[in-house]
Protein backbone atom coordinates (compact mmCIF):
# COMPACT_ATOMS: atom_id res chain seq x y z
CA UNK A 1 -22.07 -14.32 -10.25
CA UNK A 2 -24.94 -11.94 -9.68
CA UNK A 3 -24.55 -8.56 -8.34
CA UNK A 4 -27.38 -7.23 -6.23
CA UNK A 5 -29.09 -3.89 -7.17
CA UNK A 6 -27.81 -1.08 -4.72
CA UNK A 7 -31.98 0.01 -5.45
CA UNK A 8 -33.94 -1.66 -3.83
CA UNK A 9 -31.81 -4.52 -3.05
CA UNK A 10 -32.43 -7.78 -1.64
CA UNK A 11 -31.15 -7.33 1.38
CA UNK A 12 -29.01 -4.30 3.23
CA UNK A 13 -26.07 -3.34 2.29
CA UNK A 14 -22.40 -3.06 4.06
CA UNK A 15 -20.72 0.10 3.36
CA UNK A 16 -17.72 1.56 4.88
CA UNK A 17 -16.63 4.95 5.24
CA UNK A 18 -13.48 6.72 6.80
CA UNK A 19 -12.78 9.21 9.04
CA UNK A 20 -9.89 11.27 8.48
CA UNK A 21 -9.28 13.97 11.19
CA UNK A 22 -6.35 16.35 10.99
CA UNK A 23 -6.33 19.38 12.71
CA UNK A 24 -9.87 18.81 14.23
CA UNK A 25 -11.16 19.26 10.62
CA UNK A 26 -12.21 16.48 8.85
CA UNK A 27 -11.93 15.44 5.24
CA UNK A 28 -15.43 15.30 3.56
CA UNK A 29 -16.16 14.43 -0.61
CA UNK A 30 -19.14 15.79 -2.55
CA UNK A 31 -21.03 13.06 -3.81
CA UNK A 32 -20.80 12.58 -7.78
CA UNK A 33 -23.98 9.60 -7.21
CA UNK A 34 -27.03 8.53 -5.51
CA UNK A 35 -28.09 7.56 -3.04
CA UNK A 36 -26.95 11.49 -1.41
CA UNK A 37 -25.42 12.14 -5.32
CA UNK A 38 -24.60 16.68 -4.25
CA UNK A 39 -24.55 16.16 -1.14
CA UNK A 40 -21.46 16.11 1.04
CA UNK A 41 -20.14 12.51 2.93
CA UNK A 42 -17.38 11.25 4.19
CA UNK A 43 -15.86 8.90 1.74
CA UNK A 44 -16.32 5.25 1.51
CA UNK A 45 -18.01 3.03 -0.40
CA UNK A 46 -18.91 -0.99 -0.43
CA UNK A 47 -16.36 -3.37 0.15
CA UNK A 48 -15.88 -6.47 -2.91
CA UNK A 49 -16.25 -9.64 -2.13
CA UNK A 50 -13.57 -11.66 -0.28
CA UNK A 51 -11.94 -8.21 0.73
CA UNK A 52 -11.49 -7.18 3.65
CA UNK A 53 -12.84 -4.26 5.61
CA UNK A 54 -10.57 -2.18 7.02
CA UNK A 55 -8.40 -3.16 3.30
CA UNK A 56 -12.16 -1.92 1.53
CA UNK A 57 -11.75 1.49 3.89
CA UNK A 58 -8.30 2.90 2.85
CA UNK A 59 -8.95 1.55 -1.35
CA UNK A 60 -11.58 3.91 -0.91
CA UNK A 61 -10.47 6.70 1.30
CA UNK A 62 -7.16 6.07 -1.99
CA UNK A 63 -9.80 5.83 -4.96
CA UNK A 64 -12.10 8.34 -3.65
CA UNK A 65 -9.13 11.09 -3.18
CA UNK A 66 -5.68 10.41 -3.18
CA UNK A 67 -5.00 9.98 0.93
CA UNK A 68 -3.63 6.80 1.83
CA UNK A 69 -4.49 5.68 5.61
CA UNK A 70 -4.02 3.48 7.99
CA UNK A 71 -7.27 2.12 10.31
CA UNK A 72 -6.66 3.30 14.22
CA UNK A 73 -10.14 1.53 15.18
CA UNK A 74 -14.39 0.93 14.30
CA UNK A 75 -15.75 4.39 15.54
CA UNK A 76 -19.85 4.37 14.65
CA UNK A 77 -22.32 2.16 13.14
CA UNK A 78 -24.66 3.35 11.29
CA UNK A 79 -28.44 2.36 9.09
CA UNK A 80 -29.64 4.75 6.42
CA UNK A 81 -32.32 3.50 4.71
CA UNK A 82 -34.96 5.91 2.17
CA UNK A 83 -38.06 5.04 1.50
CA UNK A 84 -39.80 5.39 -2.11
CA UNK A 85 -42.96 7.46 -2.71
CA UNK A 86 -44.82 4.02 -2.64
CA UNK A 87 -43.23 3.45 0.48
CA UNK A 88 -40.44 0.15 -0.51
CA UNK A 89 -37.23 0.54 0.14
CA UNK A 90 -35.14 2.15 -2.07
CA UNK A 91 -31.12 1.97 -0.07
CA UNK A 92 -30.61 0.17 2.96
CA UNK A 93 -26.94 0.01 3.49
CA UNK A 94 -24.78 -0.87 6.68
CA UNK A 95 -22.00 1.97 7.29
CA UNK A 96 -19.58 0.83 9.45
CA UNK A 97 -16.83 3.93 10.10
CA UNK A 98 -13.51 3.90 10.63
CA UNK A 99 -10.99 6.94 12.13
CA UNK A 100 -7.88 6.36 9.65
CA UNK A 101 -5.05 8.29 9.73
CA UNK A 102 -2.78 10.15 7.25
CA UNK A 103 0.15 7.70 5.82
CA UNK A 104 1.49 10.94 4.26
CA UNK A 105 0.70 14.51 3.86
CA UNK A 106 -3.27 14.96 3.22
CA UNK A 107 -3.54 16.69 0.35
CA UNK A 108 -6.86 15.53 -1.02
CA UNK A 109 -7.75 15.49 -5.27
CA UNK A 110 -11.56 14.54 -6.24
CA UNK A 111 -11.11 11.12 -8.22
CA UNK A 112 -14.12 8.54 -9.25
CA UNK A 113 -16.86 8.90 -7.16
CA UNK A 114 -16.16 11.96 -5.64
CA UNK A 115 -17.23 15.34 -6.98
CA UNK A 116 -15.32 17.72 -4.43
CA UNK A 117 -13.28 16.49 -2.10
CA UNK A 118 -11.25 19.10 0.85
CA UNK A 119 -11.28 19.36 4.44
CA UNK A 120 -13.93 20.92 6.66
CA UNK A 121 -13.75 22.18 9.58
CA UNK A 122 -16.19 20.48 11.74
CA UNK A 123 -19.21 23.19 12.95
CA UNK A 124 -18.60 24.94 9.90
CA UNK A 125 -19.71 21.33 7.86
CA UNK A 126 -22.77 21.55 9.72
CA UNK A 127 -23.49 24.97 9.26
CA UNK A 128 -23.92 25.72 6.19
CA UNK A 129 -22.84 22.02 3.85
CA UNK A 130 -25.05 20.31 1.84
CA UNK A 131 -24.87 17.12 4.37
CA UNK A 132 -25.77 13.66 3.91
CA UNK A 133 -27.83 12.12 6.96
CA UNK A 134 -25.37 9.31 7.85
CA UNK A 135 -22.69 12.42 7.88
CA UNK A 136 -25.05 14.57 9.42
CA UNK A 137 -24.97 12.21 12.43
CA UNK A 138 -21.77 11.16 12.12
CA UNK A 139 -20.47 15.09 12.42
CA UNK A 140 -22.71 15.49 15.60
CA UNK A 141 -21.63 12.50 17.39
CA UNK A 142 -17.82 13.85 17.03
CA UNK A 143 -19.12 16.77 18.26
CA UNK A 144 -20.68 15.13 21.07
CA UNK A 145 -17.27 13.16 21.77
CA UNK A 146 -14.68 16.22 21.74
CA UNK A 147 -11.98 14.31 20.36
CA UNK A 148 -11.99 11.34 22.49
CA UNK A 149 -13.32 9.29 20.43
CA UNK A 150 -14.62 5.68 21.01
CA UNK A 151 -12.33 3.12 19.51
CA UNK A 152 -12.94 -0.43 18.70
CA UNK A 153 -9.89 -2.80 17.98
CA UNK A 154 -10.05 -4.45 14.25
């Protein structure tokens, strides 16, 4: 089976993200790979062919942080498009962010695509961290909803 490249893709690529909030703190990872290498984002990645989105987000969460969870619902859909110097689309992702509840004690540890993994106060993260563009937008939305995030059951 032929794999579509992430860089300069033929079509938009679907990605999933895990929004884990415990005691008003959000779980973030510092990315080890492009796009956004070195920046902080929510844990996530790409579903595998034949894998359900809910399963993909839980797998990615565990692979990157060691945290096991349960999907509560879809909370956000975002699009990330990055252009190169010649105005060609370098990256194009459709990002589906799921609210995930930890099923055990959430003690994150960085693994696979994450350089670091830890919980951050949302205001502190917005003020001090180098966040990916999509994560900054997401944190601002979460702040706006003040703890009552709209959930689409999946």
